[in-house]
Amino acid sequence: MNISDIEHLAWDKDDGLLPAIIQHADSGAVLMLGYMNRDSLQETLRGGRVVFYSRSRRRLWRKGETSGHELNVVSVSMDCDADTLLILAEPTGPVCHQGTPTCFADQPPTGAEGIAFLAQLESIIAGRLAERPQGSYTARLFGEGPARIAQKIGEEGVEVALAAVAPDDNHLVSETADLVYHVLLLLKSRNLTLSHVVRELRSRHLGRA
């Protein structure tokens, strides 16, 4: 959505306000619900940070203007009736005023959140490599080079295969986790990320559709 789309929204349905659902751009978690008028949506689109209209204070308010926990906009979409907004955003801190990551603290984790942890793990690996803390296995193995990491992947792959023919599911899960971790580290050593692999898989899928 861009600024020219604002006038196409159904502002006349609820006194010039539209509900805006905020969703985490990476994990897919629903973060909060707010309301926007024309001006707040315009400010959101122009500034790249979520700005709501406060129904109680009757003014615009930028999320995080007091707490510092802002919502950086990734995309804004309207629904099929043009009367609800969906905003994908990246939070800079806890979203809820009670200090929780979302305003729906009791919502069960989504499947997307579980998969999104792999991206978080990539960030953790990058942090280890940047800081090189003493005793870090990640930093030590990375320092030994891609060939050594590749050797570890071969070893872990064998461990996964052995676990696959054994009855212990927990052992298979554990060995697979080791393999995935080492694959992420190898990708990092080549300045690649999991997103490159995902794009390749998606391309293959679309090619066979």
C-alpha atoms as a PDB file:
ATOM      1  CA  MET A   1       0.000   0.000   0.000  1.00  0.00           C
ATOM      2  CA  ASN A   2       1.144   3.530  -0.678  1.00  0.00           C
ATOM      3  CA  ILE A   3      -0.190   6.975   0.161  1.00  0.00           C
ATOM      4  CA  SER A   4      -2.306   7.156  -2.996  1.00  0.00           C
ATOM      5  CA  ASP A   5      -4.295   4.145  -1.753  1.00  0.00           C
ATOM      6  CA  ILE A   6      -5.496   5.890   1.400  1.00  0.00           C
ATOM      7  CA  GLU A   7      -8.589   7.378  -0.226  1.00  0.00           C
ATOM      8  CA  HIS A   8      -9.698   3.955  -1.440  1.00  0.00           C
ATOM      9  CA  LEU A   9     -10.262   2.749   2.129  1.00  0.00           C
ATOM     10  CA  ALA A  10     -13.714   2.585   3.751  1.00  0.00           C
ATOM     11  CA  TRP A  11     -13.286   5.496   6.161  1.00  0.00           C
ATOM     12  CA  ASP A  12     -17.036   6.108   6.405  1.00  0.00           C
ATOM     13  CA  LYS A  13     -17.818   2.848   8.245  1.00  0.00           C
ATOM     14  CA  ASP A  14     -16.634   3.792  11.743  1.00  0.00           C
ATOM     15  CA  ASP A  15     -16.282   7.538  12.169  1.00  0.00           C
ATOM     16  CA  GLY A  16     -13.156   7.712  10.051  1.00  0.00           C
ATOM     17  CA  LEU A  17     -11.253   4.989  11.905  1.00  0.00           C
ATOM     18  CA  LEU A  18     -10.006   1.593  10.768  1.00  0.00           C
ATOM     19  CA  PRO A  19      -8.711  -1.257  12.941  1.00  0.00           C
ATOM     20  CA  ALA A  20      -5.047  -2.031  12.286  1.00  0.00           C
ATOM     21  CA  ILE A  21      -3.741  -5.498  13.122  1.00  0.00           C
ATOM     22  CA  ILE A  22      -0.006  -5.521  13.797  1.00  0.00           C
ATOM     23  CA  GLN A  23       1.810  -8.754  12.953  1.00  0.00           C
ATOM     24  CA  HIS A  24       5.480  -9.588  13.491  1.00  0.00           C
ATOM     25  CA  ALA A  25       7.120  -9.569  10.070  1.00  0.00           C
ATOM     26  CA  ASP A  26       9.400 -12.497  10.900  1.00  0.00           C
ATOM     27  CA  SER A  27       7.569 -14.777  13.313  1.00  0.00           C
ATOM     28  CA  GLY A  28       3.987 -14.122  12.207  1.00  0.00           C
ATOM     29  CA  ALA A  29       2.865 -13.502  15.781  1.00  0.00           C
ATOM     30  CA  VAL A  30      -0.042 -11.083  16.231  1.00  0.00           C
ATOM     31  CA  LEU A  31       1.402  -8.230  18.287  1.00  0.00           C
ATOM     32  CA  MET A  32      -1.477  -5.841  18.928  1.00  0.00           C
ATOM     33  CA  LEU A  33      -4.564  -4.107  17.576  1.00  0.00           C
ATOM     34  CA  GLY A  34      -4.811  -0.362  17.178  1.00  0.00           C
ATOM     35  CA  TYR A  35      -6.839   2.173  15.217  1.00  0.00           C
ATOM     36  CA  MET A  36      -5.847   4.539  12.444  1.00  0.00           C
ATOM     37  CA  ASN A  37      -7.387   7.517  10.721  1.00  0.00           C
ATOM     38  CA  ARG A  38      -6.238   9.054   7.462  1.00  0.00           C
ATOM     39  CA  ASP A  39      -3.557  11.156   9.111  1.00  0.00           C
ATOM     40  CA  SER A  40      -2.051   8.353  11.202  1.00  0.00           C
ATOM     41  CA  LEU A  41      -1.928   6.001   8.224  1.00  0.00           C
ATOM     42  CA  GLN A  42      -0.280   8.696   6.158  1.00  0.00           C
ATOM     43  CA  GLU A  43       2.331   9.264   8.872  1.00  0.00           C
ATOM     44  CA  THR A  44       2.893   5.511   9.087  1.00  0.00           C
ATOM     45  CA  LEU A  45       3.484   5.176   5.365  1.00  0.00           C
ATOM     46  CA  ARG A  46       5.697   8.243   5.155  1.00  0.00           C
ATOM     47  CA  GLY A  47       7.805   7.671   8.246  1.00  0.00           C
ATOM     48  CA  GLY A  48       8.095   3.890   8.231  1.00  0.00           C
ATOM     49  CA  ARG A  49       7.047   3.635  11.892  1.00  0.00           C
ATOM     50  CA  VAL A  50       3.574   2.733  13.114  1.00  0.00           C
ATOM     51  CA  VAL A  51       1.443   5.715  14.160  1.00  0.00           C
ATOM     52  CA  PHE A  52      -2.024   5.144  15.618  1.00  0.00           C
ATOM     53  CA  TYR A  53      -4.959   7.353  16.448  1.00  0.00           C
ATOM     54  CA  SER A  54      -5.733   7.294  20.172  1.00  0.00           C
ATOM     55  CA  ARG A  55      -9.479   7.174  20.708  1.00  0.00           C
ATOM     56  CA  SER A  56      -9.134   8.135  24.380  1.00  0.00           C
ATOM     57  CA  ARG A  57      -6.686  11.024  23.886  1.00  0.00           C
ATOM     58  CA  ARG A  58      -8.144  11.996  20.513  1.00  0.00           C
ATOM     59  CA  ARG A  59      -4.775  12.516  18.887  1.00  0.00           C
ATOM     60  CA  LEU A  60      -2.123  10.722  16.877  1.00  0.00           C
ATOM     61  CA  TRP A  61       0.425   8.701  18.817  1.00  0.00           C
ATOM     62  CA  ARG A  62       3.492   6.952  17.540  1.00  0.00           C
ATOM     63  CA  LYS A  63       3.977   3.522  19.059  1.00  0.00           C
ATOM     64  CA  GLY A  64       6.985   3.773  21.350  1.00  0.00           C
ATOM     65  CA  GLU A  65       6.965   7.540  21.722  1.00  0.00           C
ATOM     66  CA  THR A  66       7.346   7.147  25.492  1.00  0.00           C
ATOM     67  CA  SER A  67       8.747   3.624  25.880  1.00  0.00           C
ATOM     68  CA  GLY A  68      11.104   3.749  22.913  1.00  0.00           C
ATOM     69  CA  HIS A  69       9.717   0.401  21.720  1.00  0.00           C
ATOM     70  CA  GLU A  70       8.739   1.313  18.201  1.00  0.00           C
ATOM     71  CA  LEU A  71       7.224  -0.711  15.372  1.00  0.00           C
ATOM     72  CA  ASN A  72       9.199  -0.448  12.151  1.00  0.00           C
ATOM     73  CA  VAL A  73       6.927  -0.974   9.156  1.00  0.00           C
ATOM     74  CA  VAL A  74       7.674  -3.692   6.626  1.00  0.00           C
ATOM     75  CA  SER A  75       4.397  -3.591   4.720  1.00  0.00           C
ATOM     76  CA  VAL A  76       0.812  -2.330   4.959  1.00  0.00           C
ATOM     77  CA  SER A  77      -2.136  -4.116   3.357  1.00  0.00           C
ATOM     78  CA  MET A  78      -5.898  -3.684   3.299  1.00  0.00           C
ATOM     79  CA  ASP A  79      -8.431  -6.487   3.506  1.00  0.00           C
ATOM     80  CA  CYS A  80     -10.971  -7.392   0.803  1.00  0.00           C
ATOM     81  CA  ASP A  81     -13.555  -4.920   2.167  1.00  0.00           C
ATOM     82  CA  ALA A  82     -11.005  -2.103   2.498  1.00  0.00           C
ATOM     83  CA  ASP A  83     -12.044  -1.575   6.130  1.00  0.00           C
ATOM     84  CA  THR A  84      -9.219  -3.310   8.029  1.00  0.00           C
ATOM     85  CA  LEU A  85      -5.453  -2.882   7.842  1.00  0.00           C
ATOM     86  CA  LEU A  86      -2.774  -5.517   8.285  1.00  0.00           C
ATOM     87  CA  ILE A  87       0.668  -4.159   9.112  1.00  0.00           C
ATOM     88  CA  LEU A  88       3.764  -6.330   9.125  1.00  0.00           C
ATOM     89  CA  ALA A  89       6.299  -4.755  11.442  1.00  0.00           C
ATOM     90  CA  GLU A  90       9.552  -5.353  13.263  1.00  0.00           C
ATOM     91  CA  PRO A  91       9.343  -4.358  16.943  1.00  0.00           C
ATOM     92  CA  THR A  92      12.334  -2.773  18.649  1.00  0.00           C
ATOM     93  CA  GLY A  93      11.266  -4.063  22.075  1.00  0.00           C
ATOM     94  CA  PRO A  94       8.283  -5.404  24.007  1.00  0.00           C
ATOM     95  CA  VAL A  95       5.062  -4.330  22.311  1.00  0.00           C
ATOM     96  CA  CYS A  96       2.687  -4.482  25.280  1.00  0.00           C
ATOM     97  CA  HIS A  97       2.770  -1.809  28.009  1.00  0.00           C
ATOM     98  CA  GLN A  98       2.983  -4.700  30.502  1.00  0.00           C
ATOM     99  CA  GLY A  99       6.380  -5.627  29.107  1.00  0.00           C
ATOM    100  CA  THR A 100       5.365  -8.717  27.148  1.00  0.00           C
ATOM    101  CA  PRO A 101       6.363  -9.260  23.503  1.00  0.00           C
ATOM    102  CA  THR A 102       2.724  -9.032  22.368  1.00  0.00           C
ATOM    103  CA  CYS A 103      -0.564  -7.769  23.768  1.00  0.00           C
ATOM    104  CA  PHE A 104      -1.861 -11.332  23.479  1.00  0.00           C
ATOM    105  CA  ALA A 105       0.511 -12.930  25.952  1.00  0.00           C
ATOM    106  CA  ASP A 106      -1.443 -16.174  26.198  1.00  0.00           C
ATOM    107  CA  GLN A 107      -1.563 -16.901  22.476  1.00  0.00           C
ATOM    108  CA  PRO A 108       0.047 -20.227  21.573  1.00  0.00           C
ATOM    109  CA  PRO A 109       3.172 -20.022  19.407  1.00  0.00           C
ATOM    110  CA  THR A 110       2.479 -20.201  15.695  1.00  0.00           C
ATOM    111  CA  GLY A 111       4.192 -22.657  13.409  1.00  0.00           C
ATOM    112  CA  ALA A 112       5.827 -19.696  11.725  1.00  0.00           C
ATOM    113  CA  GLU A 113       7.356 -18.607  15.038  1.00  0.00           C
ATOM    114  CA  GLY A 114       9.019 -21.987  15.392  1.00  0.00           C
ATOM    115  CA  ILE A 115      10.497 -21.806  11.910  1.00  0.00           C
ATOM    116  CA  ALA A 116      11.472 -18.177  12.483  1.00  0.00           C
ATOM    117  CA  PHE A 117      13.766 -19.300  15.310  1.00  0.00           C
ATOM    118  CA  LEU A 118      16.154 -20.507  12.615  1.00  0.00           C
ATOM    119  CA  ALA A 119      16.631 -16.889  11.560  1.00  0.00           C
ATOM    120  CA  GLN A 120      17.193 -15.999  15.207  1.00  0.00           C
ATOM    121  CA  LEU A 121      19.754 -18.784  15.425  1.00  0.00           C
ATOM    122  CA  GLU A 122      21.559 -17.278  12.436  1.00  0.00           C
ATOM    123  CA  SER A 123      21.754 -14.016  14.374  1.00  0.00           C
ATOM    124  CA  ILE A 124      23.077 -15.833  17.440  1.00  0.00           C
ATOM    125  CA  ILE A 125      25.777 -17.469  15.307  1.00  0.00           C
ATOM    126  CA  ALA A 126      26.692 -14.084  13.814  1.00  0.00           C
ATOM    127  CA  GLY A 127      26.945 -12.650  17.325  1.00  0.00           C
ATOM    128  CA  ARG A 128      29.289 -15.414  18.448  1.00  0.00           C
ATOM    129  CA  LEU A 129      31.510 -14.804  15.446  1.00  0.00           C
ATOM    130  CA  ALA A 130      31.570 -11.051  16.027  1.00  0.00           C
ATOM    131  CA  GLU A 131      32.284 -11.273  19.764  1.00  0.00           C
ATOM    132  CA  ARG A 132      34.428 -14.451  19.779  1.00  0.00           C
ATOM    133  CA  PRO A 133      33.726 -15.214  23.469  1.00  0.00           C
ATOM    134  CA  GLN A 134      36.235 -17.446  25.193  1.00  0.00           C
ATOM    135  CA  GLY A 135      35.324 -21.119  24.944  1.00  0.00           C
ATOM    136  CA  SER A 136      32.820 -20.585  22.103  1.00  0.00           C
ATOM    137  CA  TYR A 137      32.489 -23.771  20.047  1.00  0.00           C
ATOM    138  CA  THR A 138      30.919 -21.758  17.237  1.00  0.00           C
ATOM    139  CA  ALA A 139      33.825 -19.312  17.009  1.00  0.00           C
ATOM    140  CA  ARG A 140      36.439 -22.071  17.248  1.00  0.00           C
ATOM    141  CA  LEU A 141      34.884 -24.241  14.544  1.00  0.00           C
ATOM    142  CA  PHE A 142      34.331 -21.265  12.270  1.00  0.00           C
ATOM    143  CA  GLY A 143      37.982 -20.338  12.672  1.00  0.00           C
ATOM    144  CA  GLU A 144      39.006 -23.786  11.447  1.00  0.00           C
ATOM    145  CA  GLY A 145      37.448 -23.013   8.073  1.00  0.00           C
ATOM    146  CA  PRO A 146      34.746 -24.319   5.741  1.00  0.00           C
ATOM    147  CA  ALA A 147      36.493 -27.658   5.132  1.00  0.00           C
ATOM    148  CA  ARG A 148      36.382 -28.525   8.830  1.00  0.00           C
ATOM    149  CA  ILE A 149      32.750 -27.418   9.093  1.00  0.00           C
ATOM    150  CA  ALA A 150      31.920 -29.558   6.060  1.00  0.00           C
ATOM    151  CA  GLN A 151      33.604 -32.517   7.748  1.00  0.00           C
ATOM    152  CA  LYS A 152      31.424 -31.980  10.812  1.00  0.00           C
ATOM    153  CA  ILE A 153      28.336 -31.905   8.595  1.00  0.00           C
ATOM    154  CA  GLY A 154      29.365 -35.254   7.159  1.00  0.00           C
ATOM    155  CA  GLU A 155      29.759 -36.669  10.656  1.00  0.00           C
ATOM    156  CA  GLU A 156      26.426 -35.248  11.793  1.00  0.00           C
ATOM    157  CA  GLY A 157      24.719 -36.546   8.667  1.00  0.00           C
ATOM    158  CA  VAL A 158      25.896 -40.056   9.516  1.00  0.00           C
ATOM    159  CA  GLU A 159      24.623 -39.599  13.084  1.00  0.00           C
ATOM    160  CA  VAL A 160      21.219 -38.588  11.734  1.00  0.00           C
ATOM    161  CA  ALA A 161      21.111 -41.628   9.447  1.00  0.00           C
ATOM    162  CA  LEU A 162      21.983 -43.952  12.339  1.00  0.00           C
ATOM    163  CA  ALA A 163      19.378 -42.321  14.568  1.00  0.00           C
ATOM    164  CA  ALA A 164      16.777 -42.716  11.810  1.00  0.00           C
ATOM    165  CA  VAL A 165      16.939 -46.515  12.002  1.00  0.00           C
ATOM    166  CA  ALA A 166      16.806 -46.561  15.800  1.00  0.00           C
ATOM    167  CA  PRO A 167      13.514 -46.428  17.767  1.00  0.00           C
ATOM    168  CA  ASP A 168      14.387 -43.361  19.856  1.00  0.00           C
ATOM    169  CA  ASP A 169      12.631 -40.337  18.337  1.00  0.00           C
ATOM    170  CA  ASN A 170      14.256 -37.934  20.795  1.00  0.00           C
ATOM    171  CA  HIS A 171      17.694 -39.038  19.647  1.00  0.00           C
ATOM    172  CA  LEU A 172      16.741 -38.456  16.008  1.00  0.00           C
ATOM    173  CA  VAL A 173      15.491 -34.971  16.838  1.00  0.00           C
ATOM    174  CA  SER A 174      18.677 -34.171  18.748  1.00  0.00           C
ATOM    175  CA  GLU A 175      20.977 -35.355  15.977  1.00  0.00           C
ATOM    176  CA  THR A 176      18.947 -33.483  13.355  1.00  0.00           C
ATOM    177  CA  ALA A 177      19.257 -30.303  15.429  1.00  0.00           C
ATOM    178  CA  ASP A 178      23.047 -30.757  15.445  1.00  0.00           C
ATOM    179  CA  LEU A 179      23.035 -31.164  11.675  1.00  0.00           C
ATOM    180  CA  VAL A 180      20.901 -28.060  11.073  1.00  0.00           C
ATOM    181  CA  TYR A 181      23.145 -25.975  13.328  1.00  0.00           C
ATOM    182  CA  HIS A 182      26.279 -27.018  11.426  1.00  0.00           C
ATOM    183  CA  VAL A 183      24.586 -26.336   8.072  1.00  0.00           C
ATOM    184  CA  LEU A 184      23.774 -22.796   9.226  1.00  0.00           C
ATOM    185  CA  LEU A 185      27.378 -22.304  10.263  1.00  0.00           C
ATOM    186  CA  LEU A 186      28.629 -23.552   6.887  1.00  0.00           C
ATOM    187  CA  LEU A 187      26.281 -21.190   5.062  1.00  0.00           C
ATOM    188  CA  LYS A 188      27.611 -18.337   7.192  1.00  0.00           C
ATOM    189  CA  SER A 189      31.168 -19.239   6.250  1.00  0.00           C
ATOM    190  CA  ARG A 190      30.198 -18.669   2.605  1.00  0.00           C
ATOM    191  CA  ASN A 191      28.275 -15.443   3.363  1.00  0.00           C
ATOM    192  CA  LEU A 192      25.007 -17.246   2.663  1.00  0.00           C
ATOM    193  CA  THR A 193      21.852 -17.525   4.772  1.00  0.00           C
ATOM    194  CA  LEU A 194      18.936 -19.882   5.129  1.00  0.00           C
ATOM    195  CA  SER A 195      16.882 -17.491   3.015  1.00  0.00           C
ATOM    196  CA  HIS A 196      19.011 -18.461   0.016  1.00  0.00           C
ATOM    197  CA  VAL A 197      18.056 -22.092   0.582  1.00  0.00           C
ATOM    198  CA  VAL A 198      14.379 -21.185   1.026  1.00  0.00           C
ATOM    199  CA  ARG A 199      14.379 -19.241  -2.226  1.00  0.00           C
ATOM    200  CA  GLU A 200      15.864 -22.240  -4.022  1.00  0.00           C
ATOM    201  CA  LEU A 201      13.230 -24.565  -2.567  1.00  0.00           C
ATOM    202  CA  ARG A 202      10.448 -22.148  -3.469  1.00  0.00           C
ATOM    203  CA  SER A 203      11.813 -21.828  -7.004  1.00  0.00           C
ATOM    204  CA  ARG A 204      11.846 -25.592  -7.402  1.00  0.00           C
ATOM    205  CA  HIS A 205       8.292 -25.818  -6.112  1.00  0.00           C
ATOM    206  CA  LEU A 206       7.008 -23.146  -8.455  1.00  0.00           C
ATOM    207  CA  GLY A 207       8.840 -24.758 -11.345  1.00  0.00           C
ATOM    208  CA  ARG A 208       6.936 -27.976 -10.785  1.00  0.00           C
ATOM    209  CA  ALA A 209       3.519 -26.390 -10.266  1.00  0.00           C
END
